[in-house]
Amino acid sequence: MKEIIDTGLPPLKQPFSWAVKASGLLFTAHGPVRTDGTIDTGPIAEQARLTFANLKRAVEAAGGTLADVTQVLIYMTDVKDMPVIDEVYREFFEAPYPNRSSMGVAGLVVPGMKIEIVAYAVIG
């Protein structure tokens, strides 16, 4: 049975949930979304920090910590942003790090949005 996790982020207009937990696994995806529902389209460091803060919010709401995250998939619109994203990533994660894949994409749903992540965690 799956459980929708209340992350404290605003309801979506699109048909998906911020975080879903099933059989001790957490499935979640995030971008630079503020708690008022607006999207940060500023510098990549700010977008990345907000994105990973949203991940932390979701994992904690599901009863875990970032140490429970097993995999992170990073989508970025400019691969030259990777060093900055890595720097912010280290603010949230420490060794041993989750498995990770990073990829450049042509664009994300909101113009100006530079990063989106998908993450999986084992909780409990």
PDB file of N, CA and C in Angstrom:
ATOM      1  N   MET A   1       0.849  -1.178   0.000  1.00  0.00           N
ATOM      2  CA  MET A   1       0.000   0.000   0.000  1.00  0.00           C
ATOM      3  C   MET A   1       0.891   1.237   0.000  1.00  0.00           C
ATOM      4  N   LYS A   2       0.523   2.234  -0.777  1.00  0.00           N
ATOM      5  CA  LYS A   2       1.329   3.447  -0.830  1.00  0.00           C
ATOM      6  C   LYS A   2       0.717   4.536   0.045  1.00  0.00           C
ATOM      7  N   GLU A   3       1.612   5.387   0.537  1.00  0.00           N
ATOM      8  CA  GLU A   3       1.218   6.490   1.407  1.00  0.00           C
ATOM      9  C   GLU A   3       1.745   7.787   0.792  1.00  0.00           C
ATOM     10  N   ILE A   4       0.860   8.756   0.616  1.00  0.00           N
ATOM     11  CA  ILE A   4       1.275  10.062   0.121  1.00  0.00           C
ATOM     12  C   ILE A   4       1.818  10.842   1.315  1.00  0.00           C
ATOM     13  N   ILE A   5       3.026  11.372   1.172  1.00  0.00           N
ATOM     14  CA  ILE A   5       3.680  12.107   2.253  1.00  0.00           C
ATOM     15  C   ILE A   5       3.383  13.598   2.119  1.00  0.00           C
ATOM     16  N   ASP A   6       2.931  14.211   3.207  1.00  0.00           N
ATOM     17  CA  ASP A   6       2.695  15.657   3.235  1.00  0.00           C
ATOM     18  C   ASP A   6       4.036  16.343   3.467  1.00  0.00           C
ATOM     19  N   THR A   7       4.568  16.963   2.435  1.00  0.00           N
ATOM     20  CA  THR A   7       5.875  17.608   2.508  1.00  0.00           C
ATOM     21  C   THR A   7       5.785  19.054   2.981  1.00  0.00           C
ATOM     22  N   GLY A   8       4.571  19.582   3.065  1.00  0.00           N
ATOM     23  CA  GLY A   8       4.414  20.984   3.403  1.00  0.00           C
ATOM     24  C   GLY A   8       4.508  21.891   2.190  1.00  0.00           C
ATOM     25  N   LEU A   9       4.783  21.307   1.030  1.00  0.00           N
ATOM     26  CA  LEU A   9       4.807  22.091  -0.202  1.00  0.00           C
ATOM     27  C   LEU A   9       3.387  22.216  -0.732  1.00  0.00           C
ATOM     28  N   PRO A  10       3.124  23.235  -1.535  1.00  0.00           N
ATOM     29  CA  PRO A  10       1.747  23.475  -1.991  1.00  0.00           C
ATOM     30  C   PRO A  10       1.235  22.362  -2.905  1.00  0.00           C
ATOM     31  N   PRO A  11      -0.078  22.193  -2.956  1.00  0.00           N
ATOM     32  CA  PRO A  11      -0.674  21.209  -3.868  1.00  0.00           C
ATOM     33  C   PRO A  11      -0.269  21.515  -5.309  1.00  0.00           C
ATOM     34  N   LEU A  12      -0.217  20.487  -6.104  1.00  0.00           N
ATOM     35  CA  LEU A  12       0.215  20.629  -7.491  1.00  0.00           C
ATOM     36  C   LEU A  12      -0.956  20.756  -8.446  1.00  0.00           C
ATOM     37  N   LYS A  13      -0.740  21.444  -9.538  1.00  0.00           N
ATOM     38  CA  LYS A  13      -1.746  21.503 -10.592  1.00  0.00           C
ATOM     39  C   LYS A  13      -1.574  20.315 -11.534  1.00  0.00           C
ATOM     40  N   GLN A  14      -0.392  19.699 -11.488  1.00  0.00           N
ATOM     41  CA  GLN A  14      -0.105  18.556 -12.332  1.00  0.00           C
ATOM     42  C   GLN A  14      -0.443  17.263 -11.588  1.00  0.00           C
ATOM     43  N   PRO A  15      -0.687  16.177 -12.303  1.00  0.00           N
ATOM     44  CA  PRO A  15      -1.097  14.922 -11.657  1.00  0.00           C
ATOM     45  C   PRO A  15       0.071  14.096 -11.113  1.00  0.00           C
ATOM     46  N   PHE A  16       0.700  14.569 -10.033  1.00  0.00           N
ATOM     47  CA  PHE A  16       1.705  13.775  -9.329  1.00  0.00           C
ATOM     48  C   PHE A  16       1.803  14.243  -7.891  1.00  0.00           C
ATOM     49  N   SER A  17       2.403  13.427  -7.056  1.00  0.00           N
ATOM     50  CA  SER A  17       2.586  13.730  -5.639  1.00  0.00           C
ATOM     51  C   SER A  17       4.045  14.084  -5.394  1.00  0.00           C
ATOM     52  N   TRP A  18       4.294  14.948  -4.408  1.00  0.00           N
ATOM     53  CA  TRP A  18       5.669  15.319  -4.068  1.00  0.00           C
ATOM     54  C   TRP A  18       6.468  14.119  -3.568  1.00  0.00           C
ATOM     55  N   ALA A  19       5.824  13.277  -2.786  1.00  0.00           N
ATOM     56  CA  ALA A  19       6.541  12.128  -2.224  1.00  0.00           C
ATOM     57  C   ALA A  19       5.556  11.001  -1.944  1.00  0.00           C
ATOM     58  N   VAL A  20       5.977   9.781  -2.271  1.00  0.00           N
ATOM     59  CA  VAL A  20       5.157   8.592  -2.043  1.00  0.00           C
ATOM     60  C   VAL A  20       6.032   7.557  -1.339  1.00  0.00           C
ATOM     61  N   LYS A  21       5.495   6.975  -0.282  1.00  0.00           N
ATOM     62  CA  LYS A  21       6.208   5.942   0.473  1.00  0.00           C
ATOM     63  C   LYS A  21       5.445   4.631   0.315  1.00  0.00           C
ATOM     64  N   ALA A  22       6.192   3.562   0.038  1.00  0.00           N
ATOM     65  CA  ALA A  22       5.590   2.234  -0.098  1.00  0.00           C
ATOM     66  C   ALA A  22       6.619   1.192   0.325  1.00  0.00           C
ATOM     67  N   SER A  23       6.222   0.303   1.217  1.00  0.00           N
ATOM     68  CA  SER A  23       7.092  -0.792   1.686  1.00  0.00           C
ATOM     69  C   SER A  23       8.459  -0.301   2.154  1.00  0.00           C
ATOM     70  N   GLY A  24       8.476   0.840   2.853  1.00  0.00           N
ATOM     71  CA  GLY A  24       9.722   1.374   3.389  1.00  0.00           C
ATOM     72  C   GLY A  24      10.567   2.142   2.393  1.00  0.00           C
ATOM     73  N   LEU A  25      10.087   2.271   1.166  1.00  0.00           N
ATOM     74  CA  LEU A  25      10.804   3.025   0.142  1.00  0.00           C
ATOM     75  C   LEU A  25      10.129   4.368  -0.085  1.00  0.00           C
ATOM     76  N   LEU A  26      10.934   5.413  -0.239  1.00  0.00           N
ATOM     77  CA  LEU A  26      10.406   6.741  -0.533  1.00  0.00           C
ATOM     78  C   LEU A  26      10.792   7.108  -1.957  1.00  0.00           C
ATOM     79  N   PHE A  27       9.813   7.562  -2.711  1.00  0.00           N
ATOM     80  CA  PHE A  27       9.990   8.003  -4.090  1.00  0.00           C
ATOM     81  C   PHE A  27       9.622   9.481  -4.120  1.00  0.00           C
ATOM     82  N   THR A  28      10.528  10.335  -4.558  1.00  0.00           N
ATOM     83  CA  THR A  28      10.245  11.762  -4.502  1.00  0.00           C
ATOM     84  C   THR A  28      10.989  12.503  -5.609  1.00  0.00           C
ATOM     85  N   ALA A  29      10.431  13.605  -6.057  1.00  0.00           N
ATOM     86  CA  ALA A  29      11.051  14.443  -7.089  1.00  0.00           C
ATOM     87  C   ALA A  29      10.877  15.898  -6.692  1.00  0.00           C
ATOM     88  N   HIS A  30      11.926  16.709  -6.946  1.00  0.00           N
ATOM     89  CA  HIS A  30      11.883  18.107  -6.515  1.00  0.00           C
ATOM     90  C   HIS A  30      12.623  19.024  -7.460  1.00  0.00           C
ATOM     91  N   GLY A  31      12.197  20.257  -7.424  1.00  0.00           N
ATOM     92  CA  GLY A  31      12.865  21.348  -8.117  1.00  0.00           C
ATOM     93  C   GLY A  31      12.916  22.528  -7.167  1.00  0.00           C
ATOM     94  N   PRO A  32      13.298  23.684  -7.676  1.00  0.00           N
ATOM     95  CA  PRO A  32      13.423  24.874  -6.831  1.00  0.00           C
ATOM     96  C   PRO A  32      12.070  25.545  -6.568  1.00  0.00           C
ATOM     97  N   VAL A  33      11.189  24.830  -5.887  1.00  0.00           N
ATOM     98  CA  VAL A  33       9.834  25.312  -5.591  1.00  0.00           C
ATOM     99  C   VAL A  33       9.806  25.877  -4.176  1.00  0.00           C
ATOM    100  N   ARG A  34       9.343  27.102  -4.057  1.00  0.00           N
ATOM    101  CA  ARG A  34       9.200  27.729  -2.742  1.00  0.00           C
ATOM    102  C   ARG A  34       7.902  27.251  -2.096  1.00  0.00           C
ATOM    103  N   THR A  35       7.802  27.423  -0.784  1.00  0.00           N
ATOM    104  CA  THR A  35       6.609  26.962  -0.069  1.00  0.00           C
ATOM    105  C   THR A  35       5.342  27.707  -0.489  1.00  0.00           C
ATOM    106  N   ASP A  36       5.490  28.856  -1.139  1.00  0.00           N
ATOM    107  CA  ASP A  36       4.305  29.562  -1.634  1.00  0.00           C
ATOM    108  C   ASP A  36       3.920  29.114  -3.046  1.00  0.00           C
ATOM    109  N   GLY A  37       4.684  28.149  -3.589  1.00  0.00           N
ATOM    110  CA  GLY A  37       4.373  27.594  -4.903  1.00  0.00           C
ATOM    111  C   GLY A  37       5.111  28.253  -6.055  1.00  0.00           C
ATOM    112  N   THR A  38       5.821  29.349  -5.803  1.00  0.00           N
ATOM    113  CA  THR A  38       6.578  29.988  -6.877  1.00  0.00           C
ATOM    114  C   THR A  38       7.870  29.218  -7.120  1.00  0.00           C
ATOM    115  N   ILE A  39       8.416  29.416  -8.292  1.00  0.00           N
ATOM    116  CA  ILE A  39       9.638  28.725  -8.709  1.00  0.00           C
ATOM    117  C   ILE A  39      10.798  29.714  -8.699  1.00  0.00           C
ATOM    118  N   ASP A  40      11.905  29.310  -8.078  1.00  0.00           N
ATOM    119  CA  ASP A  40      13.114  30.127  -8.090  1.00  0.00           C
ATOM    120  C   ASP A  40      13.785  29.952  -9.449  1.00  0.00           C
ATOM    121  N   THR A  41      13.966  31.035 -10.178  1.00  0.00           N
ATOM    122  CA  THR A  41      14.645  30.992 -11.477  1.00  0.00           C
ATOM    123  C   THR A  41      15.942  31.806 -11.434  1.00  0.00           C
ATOM    124  N   GLY A  42      16.464  31.996 -10.232  1.00  0.00           N
ATOM    125  CA  GLY A  42      17.696  32.755 -10.057  1.00  0.00           C
ATOM    126  C   GLY A  42      18.932  31.909 -10.286  1.00  0.00           C
ATOM    127  N   PRO A  43      20.040  32.304  -9.661  1.00  0.00           N
ATOM    128  CA  PRO A  43      21.310  31.589  -9.835  1.00  0.00           C
ATOM    129  C   PRO A  43      21.203  30.112  -9.456  1.00  0.00           C
ATOM    130  N   ILE A  44      22.026  29.290 -10.112  1.00  0.00           N
ATOM    131  CA  ILE A  44      21.973  27.841  -9.899  1.00  0.00           C
ATOM    132  C   ILE A  44      22.217  27.465  -8.447  1.00  0.00           C
ATOM    133  N   ALA A  45      23.091  28.146  -7.741  1.00  0.00           N
ATOM    134  CA  ALA A  45      23.357  27.795  -6.337  1.00  0.00           C
ATOM    135  C   ALA A  45      22.094  27.918  -5.502  1.00  0.00           C
ATOM    136  N   GLU A  46      21.343  28.974  -5.718  1.00  0.00           N
ATOM    137  CA  GLU A  46      20.090  29.169  -4.969  1.00  0.00           C
ATOM    138  C   GLU A  46      19.056  28.119  -5.357  1.00  0.00           C
ATOM    139  N   GLN A  47      18.957  27.841  -6.651  1.00  0.00           N
ATOM    140  CA  GLN A  47      18.007  26.822  -7.107  1.00  0.00           C
ATOM    141  C   GLN A  47      18.375  25.452  -6.546  1.00  0.00           C
ATOM    142  N   ALA A  48      19.649  25.116  -6.588  1.00  0.00           N
ATOM    143  CA  ALA A  48      20.086  23.808  -6.082  1.00  0.00           C
ATOM    144  C   ALA A  48      19.831  23.710  -4.584  1.00  0.00           C
ATOM    145  N   ARG A  49      20.155  24.763  -3.844  1.00  0.00           N
ATOM    146  CA  ARG A  49      19.968  24.743  -2.379  1.00  0.00           C
ATOM    147  C   ARG A  49      18.483  24.547  -2.039  1.00  0.00           C
ATOM    148  N   LEU A  50      17.605  25.233  -2.725  1.00  0.00           N
ATOM    149  CA  LEU A  50      16.165  25.090  -2.483  1.00  0.00           C
ATOM    150  C   LEU A  50      15.692  23.687  -2.886  1.00  0.00           C
ATOM    151  N   THR A  51      16.199  23.173  -3.982  1.00  0.00           N
ATOM    152  CA  THR A  51      15.822  21.836  -4.448  1.00  0.00           C
ATOM    153  C   THR A  51      16.209  20.772  -3.427  1.00  0.00           C
ATOM    154  N   PHE A  52      17.445  20.835  -2.928  1.00  0.00           N
ATOM    155  CA  PHE A  52      17.882  19.842  -1.944  1.00  0.00           C
ATOM    156  C   PHE A  52      17.219  20.059  -0.590  1.00  0.00           C
ATOM    157  N   ALA A  53      16.875  21.299  -0.266  1.00  0.00           N
ATOM    158  CA  ALA A  53      16.115  21.559   0.963  1.00  0.00           C
ATOM    159  C   ALA A  53      14.726  20.928   0.853  1.00  0.00           C
ATOM    160  N   ASN A  54      14.131  20.971  -0.329  1.00  0.00           N
ATOM    161  CA  ASN A  54      12.827  20.325  -0.532  1.00  0.00           C
ATOM    162  C   ASN A  54      12.944  18.812  -0.406  1.00  0.00           C
ATOM    163  N   LEU A  55      14.032  18.253  -0.898  1.00  0.00           N
ATOM    164  CA  LEU A  55      14.266  16.816  -0.718  1.00  0.00           C
ATOM    165  C   LEU A  55      14.371  16.491   0.771  1.00  0.00           C
ATOM    166  N   LYS A  56      15.140  17.271   1.490  1.00  0.00           N
ATOM    167  CA  LYS A  56      15.296  17.049   2.932  1.00  0.00           C
ATOM    168  C   LYS A  56      13.943  17.123   3.632  1.00  0.00           C
ATOM    169  N   ARG A  57      13.139  18.103   3.256  1.00  0.00           N
ATOM    170  CA  ARG A  57      11.791  18.268   3.824  1.00  0.00           C
ATOM    171  C   ARG A  57      10.957  17.005   3.599  1.00  0.00           C
ATOM    172  N   ALA A  58      11.008  16.453   2.396  1.00  0.00           N
ATOM    173  CA  ALA A  58      10.220  15.265   2.060  1.00  0.00           C
ATOM    174  C   ALA A  58      10.700  14.039   2.832  1.00  0.00           C
ATOM    175  N   VAL A  59      12.017  13.847   2.889  1.00  0.00           N
ATOM    176  CA  VAL A  59      12.569  12.687   3.589  1.00  0.00           C
ATOM    177  C   VAL A  59      12.233  12.754   5.079  1.00  0.00           C
ATOM    178  N   GLU A  60      12.373  13.920   5.669  1.00  0.00           N
ATOM    179  CA  GLU A  60      12.049  14.068   7.094  1.00  0.00           C
ATOM    180  C   GLU A  60      10.555  13.885   7.347  1.00  0.00           C
ATOM    181  N   ALA A  61       9.710  14.367   6.441  1.00  0.00           N
ATOM    182  CA  ALA A  61       8.261  14.182   6.596  1.00  0.00           C
ATOM    183  C   ALA A  61       7.886  12.704   6.530  1.00  0.00           C
ATOM    184  N   ALA A  62       8.696  11.926   5.822  1.00  0.00           N
ATOM    185  CA  ALA A  62       8.443  10.484   5.714  1.00  0.00           C
ATOM    186  C   ALA A  62       9.059   9.709   6.875  1.00  0.00           C
ATOM    187  N   GLY A  63       9.738  10.413   7.787  1.00  0.00           N
ATOM    188  CA  GLY A  63      10.309   9.750   8.954  1.00  0.00           C
ATOM    189  C   GLY A  63      11.771   9.388   8.827  1.00  0.00           C
ATOM    190  N   GLY A  64      12.463   9.934   7.839  1.00  0.00           N
ATOM    191  CA  GLY A  64      13.861   9.598   7.620  1.00  0.00           C
ATOM    192  C   GLY A  64      14.781  10.801   7.713  1.00  0.00           C
ATOM    193  N   THR A  65      16.010  10.580   7.281  1.00  0.00           N
ATOM    194  CA  THR A  65      17.014  11.643   7.189  1.00  0.00           C
ATOM    195  C   THR A  65      17.679  11.520   5.818  1.00  0.00           C
ATOM    196  N   LEU A  66      18.475  12.496   5.464  1.00  0.00           N
ATOM    197  CA  LEU A  66      19.167  12.426   4.183  1.00  0.00           C
ATOM    198  C   LEU A  66      20.131  11.247   4.120  1.00  0.00           C
ATOM    199  N   ALA A  67      20.549  10.725   5.261  1.00  0.00           N
ATOM    200  CA  ALA A  67      21.405   9.531   5.276  1.00  0.00           C
ATOM    201  C   ALA A  67      20.659   8.305   4.738  1.00  0.00           C
ATOM    202  N   ASP A  68      19.322   8.364   4.681  1.00  0.00           N
ATOM    203  CA  ASP A  68      18.514   7.265   4.159  1.00  0.00           C
ATOM    204  C   ASP A  68      18.374   7.300   2.634  1.00  0.00           C
ATOM    205  N   VAL A  69      18.803   8.389   2.011  1.00  0.00           N
ATOM    206  CA  VAL A  69      18.690   8.518   0.553  1.00  0.00           C
ATOM    207  C   VAL A  69      19.695   7.575  -0.106  1.00  0.00           C
ATOM    208  N   THR A  70      19.205   6.748  -1.010  1.00  0.00           N
ATOM    209  CA  THR A  70      20.055   5.748  -1.662  1.00  0.00           C
ATOM    210  C   THR A  70      20.450   6.136  -3.080  1.00  0.00           C
ATOM    211  N   GLN A  71      19.629   6.941  -3.743  1.00  0.00           N
ATOM    212  CA  GLN A  71      19.949   7.344  -5.111  1.00  0.00           C
ATOM    213  C   GLN A  71      19.376   8.721  -5.396  1.00  0.00           C
ATOM    214  N   VAL A  72      20.149   9.518  -6.136  1.00  0.00           N
ATOM    215  CA  VAL A  72      19.708  10.839  -6.579  1.00  0.00           C
ATOM    216  C   VAL A  72      19.983  10.944  -8.075  1.00  0.00           C
ATOM    217  N   LEU A  73      18.982  11.344  -8.827  1.00  0.00           N
ATOM    218  CA  LEU A  73      19.119  11.614 -10.257  1.00  0.00           C
ATOM    219  C   LEU A  73      18.995  13.125 -10.433  1.00  0.00           C
ATOM    220  N   ILE A  74      19.994  13.737 -11.033  1.00  0.00           N
ATOM    221  CA  ILE A  74      20.011  15.192 -11.199  1.00  0.00           C
ATOM    222  C   ILE A  74      19.846  15.526 -12.675  1.00  0.00           C
ATOM    223  N   TYR A  75      18.866  16.368 -12.975  1.00  0.00           N
ATOM    224  CA  TYR A  75      18.654  16.882 -14.319  1.00  0.00           C
ATOM    225  C   TYR A  75      19.007  18.364 -14.285  1.00  0.00           C
ATOM    226  N   MET A  76      19.891  18.803 -15.186  1.00  0.00           N
ATOM    227  CA  MET A  76      20.281  20.212 -15.214  1.00  0.00           C
ATOM    228  C   MET A  76      20.252  20.707 -16.659  1.00  0.00           C
ATOM    229  N   THR A  77      19.927  21.969 -16.819  1.00  0.00           N
ATOM    230  CA  THR A  77      19.838  22.524 -18.171  1.00  0.00           C
ATOM    231  C   THR A  77      21.194  22.966 -18.707  1.00  0.00           C
ATOM    232  N   ASP A  78      22.205  23.055 -17.853  1.00  0.00           N
ATOM    233  CA  ASP A  78      23.551  23.432 -18.295  1.00  0.00           C
ATOM    234  C   ASP A  78      24.568  22.602 -17.518  1.00  0.00           C
ATOM    235  N   VAL A  79      25.260  21.700 -18.190  1.00  0.00           N
ATOM    236  CA  VAL A  79      26.208  20.822 -17.500  1.00  0.00           C
ATOM    237  C   VAL A  79      27.372  21.602 -16.893  1.00  0.00           C
ATOM    238  N   LYS A  80      27.578  22.823 -17.328  1.00  0.00           N
ATOM    239  CA  LYS A  80      28.622  23.659 -16.728  1.00  0.00           C
ATOM    240  C   LYS A  80      28.276  24.035 -15.291  1.00  0.00           C
ATOM    241  N   ASP A  81      27.020  23.835 -14.885  1.00  0.00           N
ATOM    242  CA  ASP A  81      26.585  24.118 -13.509  1.00  0.00           C
ATOM    243  C   ASP A  81      26.978  23.006 -12.535  1.00  0.00           C
ATOM    244  N   MET A  82      27.497  21.889 -13.036  1.00  0.00           N
ATOM    245  CA  MET A  82      27.781  20.736 -12.177  1.00  0.00           C
ATOM    246  C   MET A  82      28.693  21.064 -10.996  1.00  0.00           C
ATOM    247  N   PRO A  83      29.778  21.836 -11.153  1.00  0.00           N
ATOM    248  CA  PRO A  83      30.618  22.146  -9.987  1.00  0.00           C
ATOM    249  C   PRO A  83      29.852  22.872  -8.877  1.00  0.00           C
ATOM    250  N   VAL A  84      28.963  23.771  -9.240  1.00  0.00           N
ATOM    251  CA  VAL A  84      28.165  24.489  -8.237  1.00  0.00           C
ATOM    252  C   VAL A  84      27.173  23.538  -7.590  1.00  0.00           C
ATOM    253  N   ILE A  85      26.536  22.700  -8.399  1.00  0.00           N
ATOM    254  CA  ILE A  85      25.593  21.722  -7.858  1.00  0.00           C
ATOM    255  C   ILE A  85      26.315  20.778  -6.899  1.00  0.00           C
ATOM    256  N   ASP A  86      27.515  20.332  -7.275  1.00  0.00           N
ATOM    257  CA  ASP A  86      28.304  19.462  -6.388  1.00  0.00           C
ATOM    258  C   ASP A  86      28.610  20.153  -5.057  1.00  0.00           C
ATOM    259  N   GLU A  87      28.935  21.423  -5.120  1.00  0.00           N
ATOM    260  CA  GLU A  87      29.238  22.172  -3.896  1.00  0.00           C
ATOM    261  C   GLU A  87      28.020  22.220  -2.972  1.00  0.00           C
ATOM    262  N   VAL A  88      26.861  22.500  -3.529  1.00  0.00           N
ATOM    263  CA  VAL A  88      25.624  22.543  -2.741  1.00  0.00           C
ATOM    264  C   VAL A  88      25.268  21.135  -2.256  1.00  0.00           C
ATOM    265  N   TYR A  89      25.439  20.142  -3.104  1.00  0.00           N
ATOM    266  CA  TYR A  89      25.158  18.747  -2.755  1.00  0.00           C
ATOM    267  C   TYR A  89      25.898  18.364  -1.468  1.00  0.00           C
ATOM    268  N   ARG A  90      27.160  18.789  -1.367  1.00  0.00           N
ATOM    269  CA  ARG A  90      27.968  18.472  -0.181  1.00  0.00           C
ATOM    270  C   ARG A  90      27.463  19.179   1.082  1.00  0.00           C
ATOM    271  N   GLU A  91      26.663  20.213   0.936  1.00  0.00           N
ATOM    272  CA  GLU A  91      26.050  20.861   2.100  1.00  0.00           C
ATOM    273  C   GLU A  91      24.966  19.969   2.706  1.00  0.00           C
ATOM    274  N   PHE A  92      24.395  19.094   1.888  1.00  0.00           N
ATOM    275  CA  PHE A  92      23.281  18.256   2.318  1.00  0.00           C
ATOM    276  C   PHE A  92      23.674  16.802   2.571  1.00  0.00           C
ATOM    277  N   PHE A  93      24.661  16.307   1.845  1.00  0.00           N
ATOM    278  CA  PHE A  93      25.066  14.908   1.953  1.00  0.00           C
ATOM    279  C   PHE A  93      26.520  14.807   2.375  1.00  0.00           C
ATOM    280  N   GLU A  94      26.822  13.714   3.078  1.00  0.00           N
ATOM    281  CA  GLU A  94      28.211  13.414   3.418  1.00  0.00           C
ATOM    282  C   GLU A  94      28.481  11.955   3.080  1.00  0.00           C
ATOM    283  N   ALA A  95      29.740  11.607   3.011  1.00  0.00           N
ATOM    284  CA  ALA A  95      30.119  10.233   2.688  1.00  0.00           C
ATOM    285  C   ALA A  95      29.642   9.285   3.780  1.00  0.00           C
ATOM    286  N   PRO A  96      29.199   8.110   3.426  1.00  0.00           N
ATOM    287  CA  PRO A  96      29.111   7.596   2.060  1.00  0.00           C
ATOM    288  C   PRO A  96      27.913   8.213   1.327  1.00  0.00           C
ATOM    289  N   TYR A  97      28.176   8.736   0.154  1.00  0.00           N
ATOM    290  CA  TYR A  97      27.152   9.441  -0.627  1.00  0.00           C
ATOM    291  C   TYR A  97      26.177   8.456  -1.276  1.00  0.00           C
ATOM    292  N   PRO A  98      24.951   8.942  -1.567  1.00  0.00           N
ATOM    293  CA  PRO A  98      24.018   8.112  -2.332  1.00  0.00           C
ATOM    294  C   PRO A  98      24.567   7.840  -3.734  1.00  0.00           C
ATOM    295  N   ASN A  99      24.124   6.780  -4.344  1.00  0.00           N
ATOM    296  CA  ASN A  99      24.382   6.552  -5.753  1.00  0.00           C
ATOM    297  C   ASN A  99      23.808   7.750  -6.506  1.00  0.00           C
ATOM    298  N   ARG A 100      24.450   8.153  -7.599  1.00  0.00           N
ATOM    299  CA  ARG A 100      23.965   9.358  -8.281  1.00  0.00           C
ATOM    300  C   ARG A 100      24.214   9.280  -9.774  1.00  0.00           C
ATOM    301  N   SER A 101      23.305   9.884 -10.509  1.00  0.00           N
ATOM    302  CA  SER A 101      23.468  10.081 -11.940  1.00  0.00           C
ATOM    303  C   SER A 101      23.111  11.526 -12.232  1.00  0.00           C
ATOM    304  N   SER A 102      23.863  12.152 -13.109  1.00  0.00           N
ATOM    305  CA  SER A 102      23.611  13.550 -13.466  1.00  0.00           C
ATOM    306  C   SER A 102      23.533  13.652 -14.981  1.00  0.00           C
ATOM    307  N   MET A 103      22.562  14.410 -15.461  1.00  0.00           N
ATOM    308  CA  MET A 103      22.407  14.525 -16.905  1.00  0.00           C
ATOM    309  C   MET A 103      21.990  15.920 -17.322  1.00  0.00           C
ATOM    310  N   GLY A 104      22.480  16.331 -18.475  1.00  0.00           N
ATOM    311  CA  GLY A 104      22.059  17.584 -19.068  1.00  0.00           C
ATOM    312  C   GLY A 104      20.814  17.360 -19.898  1.00  0.00           C
ATOM    313  N   VAL A 105      19.885  18.303 -19.802  1.00  0.00           N
ATOM    314  CA  VAL A 105      18.631  18.209 -20.549  1.00  0.00           C
ATOM    315  C   VAL A 105      18.411  19.512 -21.319  1.00  0.00           C
ATOM    316  N   ALA A 106      17.616  19.449 -22.369  1.00  0.00           N
ATOM    317  CA  ALA A 106      17.362  20.624 -23.200  1.00  0.00           C
ATOM    318  C   ALA A 106      16.550  21.680 -22.462  1.00  0.00           C
ATOM    319  N   GLY A 107      15.700  21.251 -21.545  1.00  0.00           N
ATOM    320  CA  GLY A 107      14.881  22.205 -20.807  1.00  0.00           C
ATOM    321  C   GLY A 107      14.038  21.497 -19.778  1.00  0.00           C
ATOM    322  N   LEU A 108      13.535  22.290 -18.830  1.00  0.00           N
ATOM    323  CA  LEU A 108      12.610  21.790 -17.810  1.00  0.00           C
ATOM    324  C   LEU A 108      11.270  22.505 -18.000  1.00  0.00           C
ATOM    325  N   VAL A 109      10.251  22.074 -17.292  1.00  0.00           N
ATOM    326  CA  VAL A 109       8.887  22.550 -17.529  1.00  0.00           C
ATOM    327  C   VAL A 109       8.741  24.067 -17.362  1.00  0.00           C
ATOM    328  N   VAL A 110       9.400  24.643 -16.371  1.00  0.00           N
ATOM    329  CA  VAL A 110       9.283  26.083 -16.110  1.00  0.00           C
ATOM    330  C   VAL A 110      10.501  26.794 -16.718  1.00  0.00           C
ATOM    331  N   PRO A 111      10.277  27.768 -17.601  1.00  0.00           N
ATOM    332  CA  PRO A 111      11.404  28.510 -18.155  1.00  0.00           C
ATOM    333  C   PRO A 111      12.241  29.151 -17.028  1.00  0.00           C
ATOM    334  N   GLY A 112      13.555  29.010 -17.118  1.00  0.00           N
ATOM    335  CA  GLY A 112      14.434  29.558 -16.093  1.00  0.00           C
ATOM    336  C   GLY A 112      14.777  28.575 -14.993  1.00  0.00           C
ATOM    337  N   MET A 113      14.029  27.484 -14.914  1.00  0.00           N
ATOM    338  CA  MET A 113      14.328  26.440 -13.934  1.00  0.00           C
ATOM    339  C   MET A 113      15.532  25.663 -14.453  1.00  0.00           C
ATOM    340  N   LYS A 114      16.591  25.555 -13.609  1.00  0.00           N
ATOM    341  CA  LYS A 114      17.849  24.980 -14.064  1.00  0.00           C
ATOM    342  C   LYS A 114      18.142  23.594 -13.507  1.00  0.00           C
ATOM    343  N   ILE A 115      17.357  23.141 -12.532  1.00  0.00           N
ATOM    344  CA  ILE A 115      17.648  21.854 -11.881  1.00  0.00           C
ATOM    345  C   ILE A 115      16.349  21.185 -11.443  1.00  0.00           C
ATOM    346  N   GLU A 116      16.329  19.879 -11.572  1.00  0.00           N
ATOM    347  CA  GLU A 116      15.253  19.050 -11.011  1.00  0.00           C
ATOM    348  C   GLU A 116      15.914  17.738 -10.590  1.00  0.00           C
ATOM    349  N   ILE A 117      15.430  17.155  -9.505  1.00  0.00           N
ATOM    350  CA  ILE A 117      16.008  15.902  -9.025  1.00  0.00           C
ATOM    351  C   ILE A 117      14.919  14.870  -8.780  1.00  0.00           C
ATOM    352  N   VAL A 118      15.316  13.620  -8.873  1.00  0.00           N
ATOM    353  CA  VAL A 118      14.511  12.480  -8.451  1.00  0.00           C
ATOM    354  C   VAL A 118      15.351  11.758  -7.425  1.00  0.00           C
ATOM    355  N   ALA A 119      14.737  11.346  -6.329  1.00  0.00           N
ATOM    356  CA  ALA A 119      15.503  10.651  -5.280  1.00  0.00           C
ATOM    357  C   ALA A 119      14.708   9.491  -4.725  1.00  0.00           C
ATOM    358  N   TYR A 120      15.467   8.497  -4.261  1.00  0.00           N
ATOM    359  CA  TYR A 120      14.896   7.311  -3.645  1.00  0.00           C
ATOM    360  C   TYR A 120      15.560   7.132  -2.289  1.00  0.00           C
ATOM    361  N   ALA A 121      14.776   6.723  -1.296  1.00  0.00           N
ATOM    362  CA  ALA A 121      15.316   6.506   0.043  1.00  0.00           C
ATOM    363  C   ALA A 121      14.679   5.248   0.634  1.00  0.00           C
ATOM    364  N   VAL A 122      15.418   4.623   1.528  1.00  0.00           N
ATOM    365  CA  VAL A 122      14.919   3.480   2.301  1.00  0.00           C
ATOM    366  C   VAL A 122      14.728   3.988   3.720  1.00  0.00           C
ATOM    367  N   ILE A 123      13.472   3.962   4.178  1.00  0.00           N
ATOM    368  CA  ILE A 123      13.145   4.539   5.487  1.00  0.00           C
ATOM    369  C   ILE A 123      12.516   3.482   6.374  1.00  0.00           C
ATOM    370  N   GLY A 124      13.068   3.338   7.556  1.00  0.00           N
ATOM    371  CA  GLY A 124      12.496   2.426   8.540  1.00  0.00           C
ATOM    372  C   GLY A 124      13.077   1.062   8.424  1.00  0.00           C
TER     373      GLY A 124
END
